Amino acid sequence: EYIYNLIDNKENLNIKNIEDDVQSTINTFIKNKLLLKEKNE
């Protein structure tokens, strides 16, 4: 939603697609061991 709000031209833009892209990017960061997910205790 934060990224969606940064985009000026929202024509043909779907928040669900952005959410999928965000999750994919985060997964890539994790896969490449750039980002660590903290475990909840």
All heavy atoms as atom14 arrays in JSON, in Angstrom:
{
  "sequence": "EYIYNLIDNKENLNIKNIEDDVQSTINTFIKNKLLLKEKNE",
  "atom14_mask": [
    [1, 1, 1, 1, 1, 1, 1, 1, 1, 0, 0, 0, 0, 0],
    [1, 1, 1, 1, 1, 1, 1, 1, 1, 1, 1, 1, 0, 0],
    [1, 1, 1, 1, 1, 1, 1, 1, 0, 0, 0, 0, 0, 0],
    [1, 1, 1, 1, 1, 1, 1, 1, 1, 1, 1, 1, 0, 0],
    [1, 1, 1, 1, 1, 1, 1, 1, 0, 0, 0, 0, 0, 0],
    [1, 1, 1, 1, 1, 1, 1, 1, 0, 0, 0, 0, 0, 0],
    [1, 1, 1, 1, 1, 1, 1, 1, 0, 0, 0, 0, 0, 0],
    [1, 1, 1, 1, 1, 1, 1, 1, 0, 0, 0, 0, 0, 0],
    [1, 1, 1, 1, 1, 1, 1, 1, 0, 0, 0, 0, 0, 0],
    [1, 1, 1, 1, 1, 1, 1, 1, 1, 0, 0, 0, 0, 0],
    [1, 1, 1, 1, 1, 1, 1, 1, 1, 0, 0, 0, 0, 0],
    [1, 1, 1, 1, 1, 1, 1, 1, 0, 0, 0, 0, 0, 0],
    [1, 1, 1, 1, 1, 1, 1, 1, 0, 0, 0, 0, 0, 0],
    [1, 1, 1, 1, 1, 1, 1, 1, 0, 0, 0, 0, 0, 0],
    [1, 1, 1, 1, 1, 1, 1, 1, 0, 0, 0, 0, 0, 0],
    [1, 1, 1, 1, 1, 1, 1, 1, 1, 0, 0, 0, 0, 0],
    [1, 1, 1, 1, 1, 1, 1, 1, 0, 0, 0, 0, 0, 0],
    [1, 1, 1, 1, 1, 1, 1, 1, 0, 0, 0, 0, 0, 0],
    [1, 1, 1, 1, 1, 1, 1, 1, 1, 0, 0, 0, 0, 0],
    [1, 1, 1, 1, 1, 1, 1, 1, 0, 0, 0, 0, 0, 0],
    [1, 1, 1, 1, 1, 1, 1, 1, 0, 0, 0, 0, 0, 0],
    [1, 1, 1, 1, 1, 1, 1, 0, 0, 0, 0, 0, 0, 0],
    [1, 1, 1, 1, 1, 1, 1, 1, 1, 0, 0, 0, 0, 0],
    [1, 1, 1, 1, 1, 1, 0, 0, 0, 0, 0, 0, 0, 0],
    [1, 1, 1, 1, 1, 1, 1, 0, 0, 0, 0, 0, 0, 0],
    [1, 1, 1, 1, 1, 1, 1, 1, 0, 0, 0, 0, 0, 0],
    [1, 1, 1, 1, 1, 1, 1, 1, 0, 0, 0, 0, 0, 0],
    [1, 1, 1, 1, 1, 1, 1, 0, 0, 0, 0, 0, 0, 0],
    [1, 1, 1, 1, 1, 1, 1, 1, 1, 1, 1, 0, 0, 0],
    [1, 1, 1, 1, 1, 1, 1, 1, 0, 0, 0, 0, 0, 0],
    [1, 1, 1, 1, 1, 1, 1, 1, 1, 0, 0, 0, 0, 0],
    [1, 1, 1, 1, 1, 1, 1, 1, 0, 0, 0, 0, 0, 0],
    [1, 1, 1, 1, 1, 1, 1, 1, 1, 0, 0, 0, 0, 0],
    [1, 1, 1, 1, 1, 1, 1, 1, 0, 0, 0, 0, 0, 0],
    [1, 1, 1, 1, 1, 1, 1, 1, 0, 0, 0, 0, 0, 0],
    [1, 1, 1, 1, 1, 1, 1, 1, 0, 0, 0, 0, 0, 0],
    [1, 1, 1, 1, 1, 1, 1, 1, 1, 0, 0, 0, 0, 0],
    [1, 1, 1, 1, 1, 1, 1, 1, 1, 0, 0, 0, 0, 0],
    [1, 1, 1, 1, 1, 1, 1, 1, 1, 0, 0, 0, 0, 0],
    [1, 1, 1, 1, 1, 1, 1, 1, 0, 0, 0, 0, 0, 0],
    [1, 1, 1, 1, 1, 1, 1, 1, 1, 0, 0, 0, 0, 0]
  ],
  "atom14_positions": [
    [[0.84, -1.21, 0.0], [0.0, 0.0, 0.0], [0.87, 1.26, 0.0], [0.56, 2.24, -0.67], [-0.94, 0.0, 1.2], [-2.04, -1.04, 1.09], [-2.84, -1.22, 2.38], [-2.52, -0.57, 3.4], [-3.78, -2.04, 2.36], [0.0, 0.0, 0.0], [0.0, 0.0, 0.0], [0.0, 0.0, 0.0], [0.0, 0.0, 0.0], [0.0, 0.0, 0.0]],
    [[1.97, 1.22, 0.75], [2.91, 2.35, 0.78], [3.45, 2.61, -0.64], [3.46, 3.75, -1.11], [4.05, 2.05, 1.76], [5.13, 3.1, 1.76], [4.99, 4.26, 2.51], [6.29, 2.94, 1.01], [5.99, 5.24, 2.5], [7.29, 3.9, 1.0], [7.12, 5.04, 1.74], [8.1, 6.01, 1.73], [0.0, 0.0, 0.0], [0.0, 0.0, 0.0]],
    [[3.88, 1.55, -1.32], [4.41, 1.68, -2.68], [3.31, 2.15, -3.64], [3.53, 3.03, -4.47], [5.04, 0.35, -3.15], [6.31, 0.1, -2.33], [5.34, 0.37, -4.64], [6.89, -1.28, -2.5], [0.0, 0.0, 0.0], [0.0, 0.0, 0.0], [0.0, 0.0, 0.0], [0.0, 0.0, 0.0], [0.0, 0.0, 0.0], [0.0, 0.0, 0.0]],
    [[2.12, 1.59, -3.51], [0.98, 1.99, -4.34], [0.74, 3.49, -4.24], [0.51, 4.17, -5.24], [-0.26, 1.2, -3.92], [-1.51, 1.53, -4.7], [-1.76, 0.91, -5.92], [-2.45, 2.43, -4.21], [-2.91, 1.2, -6.64], [-3.59, 2.73, -4.92], [-3.82, 2.11, -6.14], [-4.96, 2.41, -6.85], [0.0, 0.0, 0.0], [0.0, 0.0, 0.0]],
    [[0.82, 4.02, -3.03], [0.58, 5.45, -2.82], [1.69, 6.33, -3.39], [1.48, 7.51, -3.64], [0.39, 5.73, -1.33], [-0.93, 5.19, -0.82], [-1.91, 5.13, -1.56], [-0.96, 4.76, 0.42], [0.0, 0.0, 0.0], [0.0, 0.0, 0.0], [0.0, 0.0, 0.0], [0.0, 0.0, 0.0], [0.0, 0.0, 0.0], [0.0, 0.0, 0.0]],
    [[2.87, 5.78, -3.63], [3.97, 6.53, -4.23], [3.82, 6.68, -5.74], [4.39, 7.58, -6.34], [5.31, 5.84, -3.95], [5.81, 5.83, -2.52], [7.11, 5.03, -2.44], [6.04, 7.24, -2.0], [0.0, 0.0, 0.0], [0.0, 0.0, 0.0], [0.0, 0.0, 0.0], [0.0, 0.0, 0.0], [0.0, 0.0, 0.0], [0.0, 0.0, 0.0]],
    [[3.04, 5.81, -6.34], [2.91, 5.77, -7.8], [1.86, 6.78, -8.24], [0.73, 6.77, -7.75], [2.55, 4.34, -8.26], [3.68, 3.38, -7.86], [2.29, 4.29, -9.75], [3.35, 1.92, -8.04], [0.0, 0.0, 0.0], [0.0, 0.0, 0.0], [0.0, 0.0, 0.0], [0.0, 0.0, 0.0], [0.0, 0.0, 0.0], [0.0, 0.0, 0.0]],
    [[2.24, 7.63, -9.2], [1.33, 8.66, -9.69], [0.26, 8.09, -10.62], [-0.92, 8.33, -10.43], [2.11, 9.75, -10.43], [2.98, 10.57, -9.5], [2.61, 10.72, -8.32], [4.02, 11.05, -9.95], [0.0, 0.0, 0.0], [0.0, 0.0, 0.0], [0.0, 0.0, 0.0], [0.0, 0.0, 0.0], [0.0, 0.0, 0.0], [0.0, 0.0, 0.0]],
    [[0.67, 7.35, -11.63], [-0.26, 6.81, -12.62], [-0.73, 5.42, -12.18], [-0.02, 4.44, -12.37], [0.4, 6.75, -14.0], [-0.56, 6.3, -15.07], [-1.73, 6.04, -14.81], [-0.06, 6.21, -16.28], [0.0, 0.0, 0.0], [0.0, 0.0, 0.0], [0.0, 0.0, 0.0], [0.0, 0.0, 0.0], [0.0, 0.0, 0.0], [0.0, 0.0, 0.0]],
    [[-1.91, 5.35, -11.62], [-2.43, 4.09, -11.08], [-3.31, 3.33, -12.08], [-3.9, 2.33, -11.73], [-3.17, 4.34, -9.78], [-2.26, 4.82, -8.65], [-3.04, 5.05, -7.41], [-2.2, 5.41, -6.22], [-1.33, 6.55, -6.33], [0.0, 0.0, 0.0], [0.0, 0.0, 0.0], [0.0, 0.0, 0.0], [0.0, 0.0, 0.0], [0.0, 0.0, 0.0]],
    [[-3.36, 3.81, -13.31], [-4.16, 3.15, -14.34], [-3.62, 1.73, -14.57], [-2.42, 1.52, -14.7], [-4.09, 3.94, -15.64], [-5.01, 3.43, -16.71], [-4.96, 4.3, -17.96], [-4.69, 5.52, -17.84], [-5.18, 3.75, -19.03], [0.0, 0.0, 0.0], [0.0, 0.0, 0.0], [0.0, 0.0, 0.0], [0.0, 0.0, 0.0], [0.0, 0.0, 0.0]],
    [[-4.52, 0.76, -14.59], [-4.18, -0.66, -14.77], [-3.28, -1.19, -13.66], [-2.54, -2.16, -13.86], [-3.52, -0.92, -16.13], [-4.44, -0.54, -17.27], [-5.64, -0.78, -17.22], [-3.87, 0.07, -18.3], [0.0, 0.0, 0.0], [0.0, 0.0, 0.0], [0.0, 0.0, 0.0], [0.0, 0.0, 0.0], [0.0, 0.0, 0.0], [0.0, 0.0, 0.0]],
    [[-3.32, -0.56, -12.51], [-2.49, -0.98, -11.39], [-3.35, -1.7, -10.36], [-4.42, -1.22, -9.99], [-1.82, 0.25, -10.76], [-0.67, 0.03, -9.82], [0.46, -0.71, -10.52], [-0.16, 1.38, -9.34], [0.0, 0.0, 0.0], [0.0, 0.0, 0.0], [0.0, 0.0, 0.0], [0.0, 0.0, 0.0], [0.0, 0.0, 0.0], [0.0, 0.0, 0.0]],
    [[-2.9, -2.83, -9.92], [-3.65, -3.66, -8.99], [-2.83, -3.83, -7.72], [-1.68, -4.29, -7.77], [-3.91, -5.02, -9.66], [-4.72, -5.96, -8.81], [-4.57, -6.0, -7.59], [-5.56, -6.73, -9.45], [0.0, 0.0, 0.0], [0.0, 0.0, 0.0], [0.0, 0.0, 0.0], [0.0, 0.0, 0.0], [0.0, 0.0, 0.0], [0.0, 0.0, 0.0]],
    [[-3.39, -3.49, -6.59], [-2.69, -3.57, -5.31], [-2.25, -5.01, -5.0], [-1.19, -5.23, -4.43], [-3.53, -2.98, -4.15], [-2.71, -2.85, -2.86], [-4.77, -3.8, -3.9], [-1.72, -1.75, -2.88], [0.0, 0.0, 0.0], [0.0, 0.0, 0.0], [0.0, 0.0, 0.0], [0.0, 0.0, 0.0], [0.0, 0.0, 0.0], [0.0, 0.0, 0.0]],
    [[-3.05, -5.98, -5.42], [-2.68, -7.39, -5.18], [-1.42, -7.76, -5.95], [-0.56, -8.47, -5.42], [-3.85, -8.31, -5.58], [-3.57, -9.77, -5.41], [-3.35, -10.14, -3.96], [-3.15, -11.64, -3.82], [-2.12, -12.0, -2.88], [0.0, 0.0, 0.0], [0.0, 0.0, 0.0], [0.0, 0.0, 0.0], [0.0, 0.0, 0.0], [0.0, 0.0, 0.0]],
    [[-1.27, -7.26, -7.18], [-0.05, -7.52, -7.94], [1.17, -6.9, -7.27], [2.24, -7.49, -7.26], [-0.18, -7.0, -9.37], [-1.17, -7.8, -10.19], [-1.54, -8.91, -9.82], [-1.61, -7.24, -11.29], [0.0, 0.0, 0.0], [0.0, 0.0, 0.0], [0.0, 0.0, 0.0], [0.0, 0.0, 0.0], [0.0, 0.0, 0.0], [0.0, 0.0, 0.0]],
    [[0.99, -5.7, -6.74], [2.09, -5.04, -6.03], [2.45, -5.85, -4.79], [3.63, -6.06, -4.5], [1.73, -3.59, -5.66], [1.55, -2.76, -6.93], [2.8, -2.98, -4.76], [1.03, -1.37, -6.68], [0.0, 0.0, 0.0], [0.0, 0.0, 0.0], [0.0, 0.0, 0.0], [0.0, 0.0, 0.0], [0.0, 0.0, 0.0], [0.0, 0.0, 0.0]],
    [[1.45, -6.31, -4.09], [1.69, -7.12, -2.89], [2.46, -8.4, -3.25], [3.41, -8.78, -2.55], [0.36, -7.48, -2.22], [0.51, -8.1, -0.87], [-0.83, -8.32, -0.18], [-1.82, -7.66, -0.53], [-0.87, -9.18, 0.72], [0.0, 0.0, 0.0], [0.0, 0.0, 0.0], [0.0, 0.0, 0.0], [0.0, 0.0, 0.0], [0.0, 0.0, 0.0]],
    [[2.09, -9.04, -4.35], [2.8, -10.24, -4.81], [4.25, -9.92, -5.16], [5.17, -10.68, -4.84], [2.1, -10.87, -6.02], [0.75, -11.49, -5.67], [0.47, -11.71, -4.47], [-0.03, -11.73, -6.61], [0.0, 0.0, 0.0], [0.0, 0.0, 0.0], [0.0, 0.0, 0.0], [0.0, 0.0, 0.0], [0.0, 0.0, 0.0], [0.0, 0.0, 0.0]],
    [[4.46, -8.78, -5.82], [5.82, -8.36, -6.19], [6.66, -8.06, -4.95], [7.85, -8.38, -4.9], [5.78, -7.13, -7.11], [5.25, -7.45, -8.49], [5.19, -8.65, -8.86], [4.88, -6.5, -9.21], [0.0, 0.0, 0.0], [0.0, 0.0, 0.0], [0.0, 0.0, 0.0], [0.0, 0.0, 0.0], [0.0, 0.0, 0.0], [0.0, 0.0, 0.0]],
    [[6.05, -7.4, -3.97], [6.76, -7.11, -2.72], [7.18, -8.41, -2.04], [8.33, -8.56, -1.63], [5.89, -6.24, -1.77], [6.48, -6.19, -0.37], [5.72, -4.84, -2.33], [0.0, 0.0, 0.0], [0.0, 0.0, 0.0], [0.0, 0.0, 0.0], [0.0, 0.0, 0.0], [0.0, 0.0, 0.0], [0.0, 0.0, 0.0], [0.0, 0.0, 0.0]],
    [[6.25, -9.36, -1.95], [6.57, -10.64, -1.31], [7.66, -11.38, -2.08], [8.57, -11.95, -1.48], [5.33, -11.51, -1.19], [5.56, -12.77, -0.36], [5.99, -12.44, 1.07], [5.3, -11.75, 1.8], [7.16, -12.92, 1.46], [0.0, 0.0, 0.0], [0.0, 0.0, 0.0], [0.0, 0.0, 0.0], [0.0, 0.0, 0.0], [0.0, 0.0, 0.0]],
    [[7.6, -11.34, -3.4], [8.61, -11.98, -4.23], [9.99, -11.35, -4.0], [11.0, -12.06, -3.9], [8.22, -11.87, -5.7], [9.22, -12.41, -6.51], [0.0, 0.0, 0.0], [0.0, 0.0, 0.0], [0.0, 0.0, 0.0], [0.0, 0.0, 0.0], [0.0, 0.0, 0.0], [0.0, 0.0, 0.0], [0.0, 0.0, 0.0], [0.0, 0.0, 0.0]],
    [[10.03, -10.03, -3.9], [11.3, -9.33, -3.66], [11.85, -9.68, -2.29], [13.05, -9.96, -2.15], [11.09, -7.8, -3.78], [10.59, -7.51, -5.09], [12.38, -7.04, -3.54], [0.0, 0.0, 0.0], [0.0, 0.0, 0.0], [0.0, 0.0, 0.0], [0.0, 0.0, 0.0], [0.0, 0.0, 0.0], [0.0, 0.0, 0.0], [0.0, 0.0, 0.0]],
    [[11.0, -9.71, -1.28], [11.43, -10.09, 0.07], [11.97, -11.51, 0.06], [13.02, -11.8, 0.66], [10.28, -9.92, 1.08], [9.95, -8.44, 1.26], [10.63, -10.57, 2.42], [8.67, -8.18, 2.02], [0.0, 0.0, 0.0], [0.0, 0.0, 0.0], [0.0, 0.0, 0.0], [0.0, 0.0, 0.0], [0.0, 0.0, 0.0], [0.0, 0.0, 0.0]],
    [[11.27, -12.42, -0.62], [11.72, -13.81, -0.7], [13.09, -13.91, -1.37], [13.93, -14.72, -0.97], [10.7, -14.67, -1.44], [9.44, -14.88, -0.64], [9.39, -14.66, 0.56], [8.38, -15.29, -1.32], [0.0, 0.0, 0.0], [0.0, 0.0, 0.0], [0.0, 0.0, 0.0], [0.0, 0.0, 0.0], [0.0, 0.0, 0.0], [0.0, 0.0, 0.0]],
    [[13.33, -13.07, -2.38], [14.63, -13.05, -3.06], [15.71, -12.56, -2.1], [16.82, -13.12, -2.07], [14.58, -12.17, -4.32], [13.6, -12.7, -5.21], [15.92, -12.1, -5.02], [0.0, 0.0, 0.0], [0.0, 0.0, 0.0], [0.0, 0.0, 0.0], [0.0, 0.0, 0.0], [0.0, 0.0, 0.0], [0.0, 0.0, 0.0], [0.0, 0.0, 0.0]],
    [[15.41, -11.52, -1.32], [16.37, -11.04, -0.32], [16.72, -12.16, 0.66], [17.89, -12.34, 1.02], [15.8, -9.85, 0.46], [15.65, -8.57, -0.31], [14.73, -7.62, 0.09], [16.42, -8.29, -1.44], [14.58, -6.42, -0.59], [16.27, -7.09, -2.14], [15.35, -6.15, -1.7], [0.0, 0.0, 0.0], [0.0, 0.0, 0.0], [0.0, 0.0, 0.0]],
    [[15.7, -12.87, 1.1], [15.92, -13.96, 2.06], [16.71, -15.1, 1.42], [17.66, -15.63, 2.01], [14.58, -14.46, 2.64], [13.95, -13.36, 3.52], [14.77, -15.75, 3.43], [12.52, -13.63, 3.94], [0.0, 0.0, 0.0], [0.0, 0.0, 0.0], [0.0, 0.0, 0.0], [0.0, 0.0, 0.0], [0.0, 0.0, 0.0], [0.0, 0.0, 0.0]],
    [[16.32, -15.47, 0.2], [17.0, -16.55, -0.51], [18.49, -16.25, -0.7], [19.34, -17.14, -0.57], [16.34, -16.76, -1.87], [16.98, -17.81, -2.74], [16.3, -17.89, -4.09], [17.2, -18.58, -5.09], [16.75, -18.36, -6.45], [0.0, 0.0, 0.0], [0.0, 0.0, 0.0], [0.0, 0.0, 0.0], [0.0, 0.0, 0.0], [0.0, 0.0, 0.0]],
    [[18.81, -15.0, -0.99], [20.2, -14.59, -1.18], [20.91, -14.26, 0.13], [22.05, -13.78, 0.12], [20.28, -13.4, -2.14], [19.94, -13.79, -3.55], [20.38, -14.82, -4.05], [19.13, -12.99, -4.22], [0.0, 0.0, 0.0], [0.0, 0.0, 0.0], [0.0, 0.0, 0.0], [0.0, 0.0, 0.0], [0.0, 0.0, 0.0], [0.0, 0.0, 0.0]],
    [[20.21, -14.48, 1.23], [20.75, -14.28, 2.58], [21.19, -12.84, 2.85], [22.12, -12.6, 3.59], [21.88, -15.27, 2.85], [21.39, -16.7, 2.79], [22.48, -17.69, 3.07], [21.84, -19.07, 2.97], [22.78, -20.13, 2.94], [0.0, 0.0, 0.0], [0.0, 0.0, 0.0], [0.0, 0.0, 0.0], [0.0, 0.0, 0.0], [0.0, 0.0, 0.0]],
    [[20.47, -11.91, 2.24], [20.69, -10.49, 2.51], [19.82, -10.03, 3.67], [20.16, -9.08, 4.38], [20.37, -9.65, 1.27], [21.11, -10.02, -0.01], [20.6, -9.18, -1.16], [22.6, -9.86, 0.18], [0.0, 0.0, 0.0], [0.0, 0.0, 0.0], [0.0, 0.0, 0.0], [0.0, 0.0, 0.0], [0.0, 0.0, 0.0], [0.0, 0.0, 0.0]],
    [[18.71, -10.7, 3.83], [17.7, -10.35, 4.82], [17.42, -11.57, 5.67], [17.3, -12.68, 5.16], [16.44, -9.92, 4.08], [15.32, -9.25, 4.84], [15.78, -7.91, 5.39], [14.13, -9.04, 3.91], [0.0, 0.0, 0.0], [0.0, 0.0, 0.0], [0.0, 0.0, 0.0], [0.0, 0.0, 0.0], [0.0, 0.0, 0.0], [0.0, 0.0, 0.0]],
    [[17.36, -11.35, 6.96], [17.06, -12.43, 7.89], [15.71, -12.15, 8.53], [15.43, -11.04, 8.95], [18.14, -12.52, 8.97], [19.58, -12.66, 8.48], [20.54, -12.55, 9.66], [19.78, -13.95, 7.72], [0.0, 0.0, 0.0], [0.0, 0.0, 0.0], [0.0, 0.0, 0.0], [0.0, 0.0, 0.0], [0.0, 0.0, 0.0], [0.0, 0.0, 0.0]],
    [[14.89, -13.17, 8.59], [13.6, -13.04, 9.23], [13.77, -13.43, 10.69], [14.24, -14.52, 11.0], [12.56, -13.93, 8.55], [11.17, -13.69, 9.02], [10.16, -14.42, 8.16], [8.76, -14.03, 8.59], [7.75, -14.64, 7.76], [0.0, 0.0, 0.0], [0.0, 0.0, 0.0], [0.0, 0.0, 0.0], [0.0, 0.0, 0.0], [0.0, 0.0, 0.0]],
    [[13.41, -12.51, 11.57], [13.53, -12.79, 13.0], [12.45, -13.77, 13.41], [11.3, -13.67, 13.0], [13.39, -11.5, 13.81], [14.54, -10.54, 13.59], [14.4, -9.28, 14.41], [13.37, -9.1, 15.09], [15.33, -8.46, 14.36], [0.0, 0.0, 0.0], [0.0, 0.0, 0.0], [0.0, 0.0, 0.0], [0.0, 0.0, 0.0], [0.0, 0.0, 0.0]],
    [[12.85, -14.71, 14.23], [11.88, -15.69, 14.72], [11.18, -15.1, 15.93], [11.79, -14.52, 16.82], [12.59, -16.98, 15.12], [13.22, -17.68, 13.95], [13.91, -18.93, 14.39], [14.56, -19.61, 13.19], [15.32, -20.79, 13.57], [0.0, 0.0, 0.0], [0.0, 0.0, 0.0], [0.0, 0.0, 0.0], [0.0, 0.0, 0.0], [0.0, 0.0, 0.0]],
    [[9.87, -15.25, 15.94], [9.09, -14.8, 17.09], [9.25, -15.8, 18.21], [9.1, -17.0, 18.0], [7.61, -14.66, 16.73], [7.35, -13.54, 15.76], [8.13, -12.61, 15.67], [6.27, -13.64, 15.03], [0.0, 0.0, 0.0], [0.0, 0.0, 0.0], [0.0, 0.0, 0.0], [0.0, 0.0, 0.0], [0.0, 0.0, 0.0], [0.0, 0.0, 0.0]],
    [[9.55, -15.3, 19.35], [9.64, -16.18, 20.51], [8.27, -16.21, 21.16], [7.7, -15.19, 21.5], [10.69, -15.68, 21.48], [12.1, -15.74, 20.91], [13.14, -15.32, 21.92], [12.85, -15.39, 23.14], [14.23, -14.93, 21.51], [0.0, 0.0, 0.0], [0.0, 0.0, 0.0], [0.0, 0.0, 0.0], [0.0, 0.0, 0.0], [0.0, 0.0, 0.0]]
  ]
}
